[in-house]
Structure formats: structure tokens, C-alpha cells
Protein backbone atom coordinates (compact mmCIF):
# COMPACT_ATOMS: atom_id res chain seq x y z
CA GLN A 1 2.91 -3.25 5.72
CA GLU A 2 3.61 -2.43 2.22
CA ALA A 3 5.29 -4.04 -1.02
CA LYS A 4 9.05 -4.09 -0.79
CA ARG A 5 10.03 -5.34 -4.06
CA LEU A 6 8.44 -7.17 -7.18
CA ASN A 7 10.26 -10.66 -7.67
CA HIS A 8 8.42 -12.13 -10.65
CA GLU A 9 6.07 -10.94 -13.51
CA ALA A 10 4.22 -12.96 -16.06
CA GLU A 11 1.57 -11.89 -18.55
CA LYS A 12 -0.34 -13.61 -21.24
CA ASN A 13 -2.67 -12.35 -23.93
CA ILE A 14 -3.03 -8.69 -22.48
CA PHE A 15 -2.46 -5.36 -24.28
CA SER A 16 0.09 -6.08 -27.04
CA LEU A 17 1.69 -9.12 -25.17
CA GLY A 18 1.51 -12.73 -26.42
CA GLU A 19 3.33 -14.39 -23.39
CA VAL A 20 6.22 -13.04 -21.09
CA ASP A 21 7.79 -14.25 -18.06
CA PHE A 22 10.50 -12.25 -16.01
CA ASP A 23 12.32 -13.16 -13.05
CA LEU A 24 12.98 -9.75 -11.28
CA ASN A 25 14.37 -11.11 -8.05
CA LYS A 26 17.40 -8.78 -7.07
CA ARG A 27 17.68 -7.78 -10.59
CA GLY A 28 17.85 -4.06 -9.85
CA LEU A 29 17.29 -1.37 -12.58
CA LEU A 30 16.17 -2.86 -15.81
CA LEU A 31 16.18 -1.66 -19.38
CA ILE A 32 13.27 -2.67 -21.63
CA THR A 33 13.66 -2.42 -25.31
CA GLY A 34 11.54 -3.95 -28.12
CA THR A 35 10.55 -3.93 -31.90
CA SER A 36 6.97 -4.11 -33.13
CA ILE A 37 6.79 -6.89 -35.77
CA ASP A 38 3.55 -5.20 -37.01
CA ASP A 39 4.81 -1.70 -37.30
CA GLY A 40 8.65 -2.19 -37.49
CA GLY A 41 9.53 0.28 -34.78
CA ALA A 42 9.73 0.69 -31.01
CA ASN A 43 6.18 1.89 -30.73
CA GLY A 44 3.69 -0.86 -29.90
CA SER A 45 6.35 -3.59 -29.10
CA GLY A 46 4.97 -3.98 -25.64
CA LYS A 47 7.42 -1.94 -23.47
CA SER A 48 4.70 -0.09 -21.66
CA SER A 49 2.49 -3.30 -21.48
CA ILE A 50 5.26 -4.97 -19.58
CA SER A 51 6.74 -2.21 -17.47
CA SER A 52 3.58 -0.41 -16.41
CA LYS A 53 0.18 -1.44 -17.74
CA GLY A 54 0.52 -5.02 -17.10
CA VAL A 55 1.68 -4.52 -13.56
CA LEU A 56 -0.93 -1.93 -12.75
CA TRP A 57 -3.81 -3.94 -14.14
CA THR A 58 -2.71 -6.94 -12.28
CA LEU A 59 -2.50 -5.11 -9.12
CA TYR A 60 -5.68 -2.97 -9.31
CA GLY A 61 -7.73 -4.12 -12.07
CA SER A 62 -7.35 -1.00 -14.41
CA THR A 63 -4.53 1.05 -15.86
CA ALA A 64 -3.63 4.44 -15.37
CA SER A 65 -5.66 5.63 -18.43
CA GLY A 66 -8.68 3.57 -17.24
CA GLU A 67 -8.37 0.45 -19.45
CA ARG A 68 -10.10 -2.46 -17.67
CA ALA A 69 -12.14 -5.74 -18.14
CA ASP A 70 -11.97 -7.10 -21.55
CA ALA A 71 -10.40 -3.88 -23.07
CA VAL A 72 -7.10 -5.38 -21.64
CA ARG A 73 -7.26 -8.50 -23.93
CA ASN A 74 -4.94 -8.83 -26.70
CA ARG A 75 -6.98 -8.67 -29.80
CA PHE A 76 -5.12 -11.20 -31.43
CA ALA A 77 -5.63 -13.63 -28.63
CA PRO A 78 -7.53 -16.82 -29.43
CA GLU A 79 -10.96 -16.83 -28.14
CA ASP A 80 -10.46 -19.99 -26.15
CA GLU A 81 -7.43 -18.78 -24.40
CA THR A 82 -7.31 -16.89 -21.02
CA SER A 83 -5.55 -13.43 -20.57
CA PHE A 84 -3.82 -12.93 -17.37
CA GLY A 85 -1.27 -11.08 -15.37
CA SER A 86 0.55 -12.56 -12.48
CA VAL A 87 3.02 -10.60 -9.93
CA GLU A 88 4.93 -11.97 -7.11
CA LEU A 89 6.21 -9.61 -4.48
CA GLU A 90 7.88 -9.43 -1.20
CA ALA A 91 6.09 -7.20 1.45
CA SER A 92 7.78 -5.10 4.12
CA GLY A 93 7.04 -7.75 6.76
CA GLY A 94 9.10 -10.42 4.75
CA ASN A 95 6.08 -12.28 3.60
CA HIS A 96 5.71 -13.19 -0.08
CA TYR A 97 2.40 -13.11 -2.20
CA ARG A 98 1.29 -13.85 -5.65
CA ILE A 99 -1.47 -11.89 -7.05
CA THR A 100 -3.20 -13.09 -10.44
CA ARG A 101 -5.76 -11.46 -12.31
CA SER A 102 -7.39 -12.86 -15.42
CA ARG A 103 -10.09 -12.47 -17.99
CA ASN A 104 -11.80 -15.26 -19.81
CA PRO A 105 -12.47 -16.26 -17.20
CA SER A 106 -12.72 -13.27 -14.96
CA ARG A 107 -10.76 -14.03 -11.68
CA LEU A 108 -8.58 -12.34 -8.95
CA SER A 109 -6.52 -14.54 -6.82
CA LEU A 110 -4.23 -13.78 -3.85
CA HIS A 111 -1.84 -16.59 -2.40
CA ASN A 112 0.89 -16.55 0.45
CA LEU A 113 3.66 -18.12 -1.07
CA ASP A 114 5.47 -18.80 2.32
CA THR A 115 2.36 -20.81 3.76
CA GLY A 116 0.65 -21.89 0.35
CA GLU A 117 -2.48 -20.38 1.62
CA GLU A 118 -5.19 -19.13 -0.66
CA LEU A 119 -6.14 -15.69 0.73
CA SER A 120 -8.75 -14.66 -2.05
CA ALA A 121 -12.21 -13.72 -0.73
CA ARG A 122 -15.53 -14.84 -2.03
CA GLN A 123 -15.94 -11.15 -3.61
CA GLU A 124 -13.42 -9.63 -5.68
CA LYS A 125 -13.54 -6.19 -4.22
CA ASP A 126 -12.79 -7.96 -0.84
CA THR A 127 -9.73 -9.60 -2.36
CA GLN A 128 -8.63 -6.16 -3.82
CA GLU A 129 -8.97 -4.74 -0.18
CA LEU A 130 -6.53 -7.47 1.01
CA ILE A 131 -4.32 -6.57 -1.87
CA ASN A 132 -4.41 -2.89 -1.13
CA LYS A 133 -3.33 -3.68 2.63
CA ILE A 134 -0.56 -5.80 1.35
CA LEU A 135 0.76 -3.08 -0.99
CA GLY A 136 0.08 -0.53 1.56
CA ARG A 137 -1.56 1.70 -1.16
CA ASN A 138 -4.69 1.85 -3.38
CA LYS A 139 -4.59 2.62 -6.90
CA ASP A 140 -4.58 6.38 -6.71
CA THR A 141 -1.78 6.67 -4.22
CA PHE A 142 0.23 3.94 -6.12
CA ILE A 143 0.07 6.10 -9.28
CA GLN A 144 1.19 9.10 -7.30
CA THR A 145 3.98 7.32 -5.40
CA ASP A 146 5.45 4.47 -7.35
CA PHE A 147 4.16 4.83 -10.95
CA PHE A 148 6.06 6.47 -13.85
CA GLY A 149 4.50 5.76 -17.31
CA GLN A 150 1.85 6.39 -19.89
CA GLY A 151 -1.58 7.51 -18.68
CA LYS A 152 -0.33 9.15 -15.38
CA ALA A 153 -2.52 12.28 -14.72
CA ALA A 154 -1.51 14.90 -12.56
CA SER A 155 1.64 15.05 -10.36
CA PHE A 156 1.33 15.61 -6.61
CA LEU A 157 2.08 19.35 -6.91
CA GLU A 158 -0.69 19.72 -9.59
CA LEU A 159 -3.33 18.02 -7.19
CA SER A 160 -5.74 20.12 -5.36
CA PRO A 161 -5.02 20.85 -1.64
CA LYS A 162 -7.83 18.51 -0.63
CA ALA A 163 -6.36 15.75 -3.06
CA GLN A 164 -2.83 16.13 -1.58
CA LEU A 165 -4.07 15.88 2.08
CA GLU A 166 -6.13 12.69 1.00
CA LEU A 167 -2.93 11.28 -0.52
CA LEU A 168 -0.72 12.27 2.42
CA GLU A 169 -3.25 10.66 4.84
CA THR A 170 -3.12 7.37 2.85
CA ILE A 171 0.70 7.26 2.71
CA LEU A 172 1.56 8.41 6.25
CA PRO A 173 0.50 6.77 9.41
CA PHE A 174 -1.87 9.57 10.46
CA GLU A 175 -4.23 7.10 12.13
CA ARG A 176 -1.46 5.54 14.22
CA ILE A 177 -0.02 8.93 15.26
CA ASN A 178 -3.45 10.00 16.30
CA GLU A 179 -3.63 6.88 18.61
CA LEU A 180 -0.32 7.61 19.96
CA ALA A 181 -1.34 11.24 20.57
CA GLU A 182 -4.39 10.20 22.40
CA SER A 183 -2.72 7.60 24.34
CA THR A 184 -0.06 10.09 25.31
CA SER A 185 -2.70 12.62 26.37
CA ARG A 186 -4.40 10.02 28.60
CA SER A 187 -0.90 9.09 30.11
CA LEU A 188 -0.10 12.76 30.65
CA GLY A 189 -3.50 13.28 32.40
CA LYS A 190 -2.83 10.46 34.80
CA ILE A 191 0.66 11.86 35.50
CA ASN A 192 -0.94 15.17 36.16
CA PHE A 193 -3.59 13.81 38.41
CA ILE A 194 -0.78 11.83 40.43
CA ASN A 195 1.24 15.00 40.49
CA ASP A 196 -1.64 17.13 41.86
CA SER A 197 -2.18 14.34 44.53
CA ILE A 198 1.26 14.35 45.49
CA GLN A 199 1.32 18.07 45.80
CA ARG A 200 -1.80 18.13 48.03
CA HIS A 201 -0.30 15.53 50.49
CA ILE A 202 2.98 17.57 50.53
CA THR A 203 0.89 20.65 51.41
CA GLU A 204 -1.19 18.83 53.93
CA SER A 205 1.91 17.31 55.56
CA THR A 206 3.58 20.66 55.61
CA GLY A 207 0.64 22.24 57.16
CA LYS A 208 0.54 19.72 59.88
CA LEU A 209 4.31 19.75 60.54
CA MET A 210 4.00 23.50 61.12
CA GLU A 211 1.09 22.92 63.23
CA ALA A 212 3.14 20.60 65.39
CA GLN A 213 5.99 22.82 65.61
CA LYS A 214 3.76 25.79 66.61
CA SER A 215 2.20 23.50 69.35
CA GLU A 216 5.69 22.49 70.55
CA ARG A 217 6.77 26.13 70.85
CA THR A 218 3.58 26.93 72.78
CA LEU A 219 4.08 24.09 75.30
CA SER A 220 7.90 24.98 75.80
């Protein structure tokens, strides 16, 4: 399966954000504008923190430019307050999940919103693997296929042939295609075996029929 749509996004005390909460369910294309209170312009107002950095860090634990761990905490955040990002999404199978990543304390949680089940593993890396399966992409693939924002490195065409192949193998169901090809090959082998067996029986029956006809002519 893979992520179908984002339904909700919330962040607190990460990057340049204080606290934000967005209902994205069936909102379509959104335009995010902002003004920085500190600098008086659009730069530093939190647009990238909301639209790309916050989502990417929540899903994968680092931004496109490599910001991770406590580097994502808003420098003005009170020491006793947590920093977190939370994303609710619908997967292609129709299931709904919530992914929450936090610092102070450091934690990664995964919930099935349909059943209320906590899916988080004991180790964060194992939880991340579950998230990757739900999203249908690891971070590198997500950046190449779904991400447009600051920190994005090379486009697909700028990747090396090896990197392009690895990316395509991640996106496309090559493993399933190989399984189907092997299954088809085995089935074709069985069909050929049955066909050869039938042909042998036909040849043997034809030979016996000819022998019988020859014997009949001899007797007559």
C-alpha cells in the first residue's frame, strides 16, 4: 500500500513554528502565505516549516537538507515543552493512520485510527520500517517522487543510472513482477509437459491404428 492523502497536520515548537494545526481533509490545493514577526517579510515566516520540513521530518526523522534530532527544535521553545510533528493520513487500502514524532522527549509513534491500535514497535527503526511500508516509500524515494521544496538535491534525471534503477525498483513492483514471471514460467513448463505427453499419446495411438489397419488389410 501507499499514502493516498494527508488529512491532518499539526506541529509545535519545531523549526520556526510555535504551534499550528491544519485540517487538510479534502482541502485540495492550498496556498500558504506568512509574514515573519522578527524580520518583517515572508522569509522565515514558517511556510517551508509547515509545507515541507515539518511533514518530511515527521514522516522520516530528518529534512531534505539533513536537519534532525534537536536541530529541529524551535530555538525559542521553552526547555520544559516538547517539540513534535503529527500527520494523519489515509493509505491506499483505505486505512487511516497517525504518525507522531517528538523531541524532548524523543519518541516516534504510529496509530491505526480505524481500530485505535498502537502499532509502534519497541525500537524506533522498526517503527520507521512500518511507516515506510504504509507510505510505500523510504525517504529518498519520497523526496524524488512527492517532495518539492527547499533542500531537495538532484532531480531524477540528474541521478546516476545506478541511483535511477534503485529508485525505480523502490517505486515499481518489480519483486511482484518477478514472482508473476516465475509463476508463469512454471505454469508454462507444466503446460508444455502436458502437451508433450498428449503428443506422445497421439503418436502412439496413430502408430497402433496404422498397425491395426495394416493387419486388417493383410488378413483380408
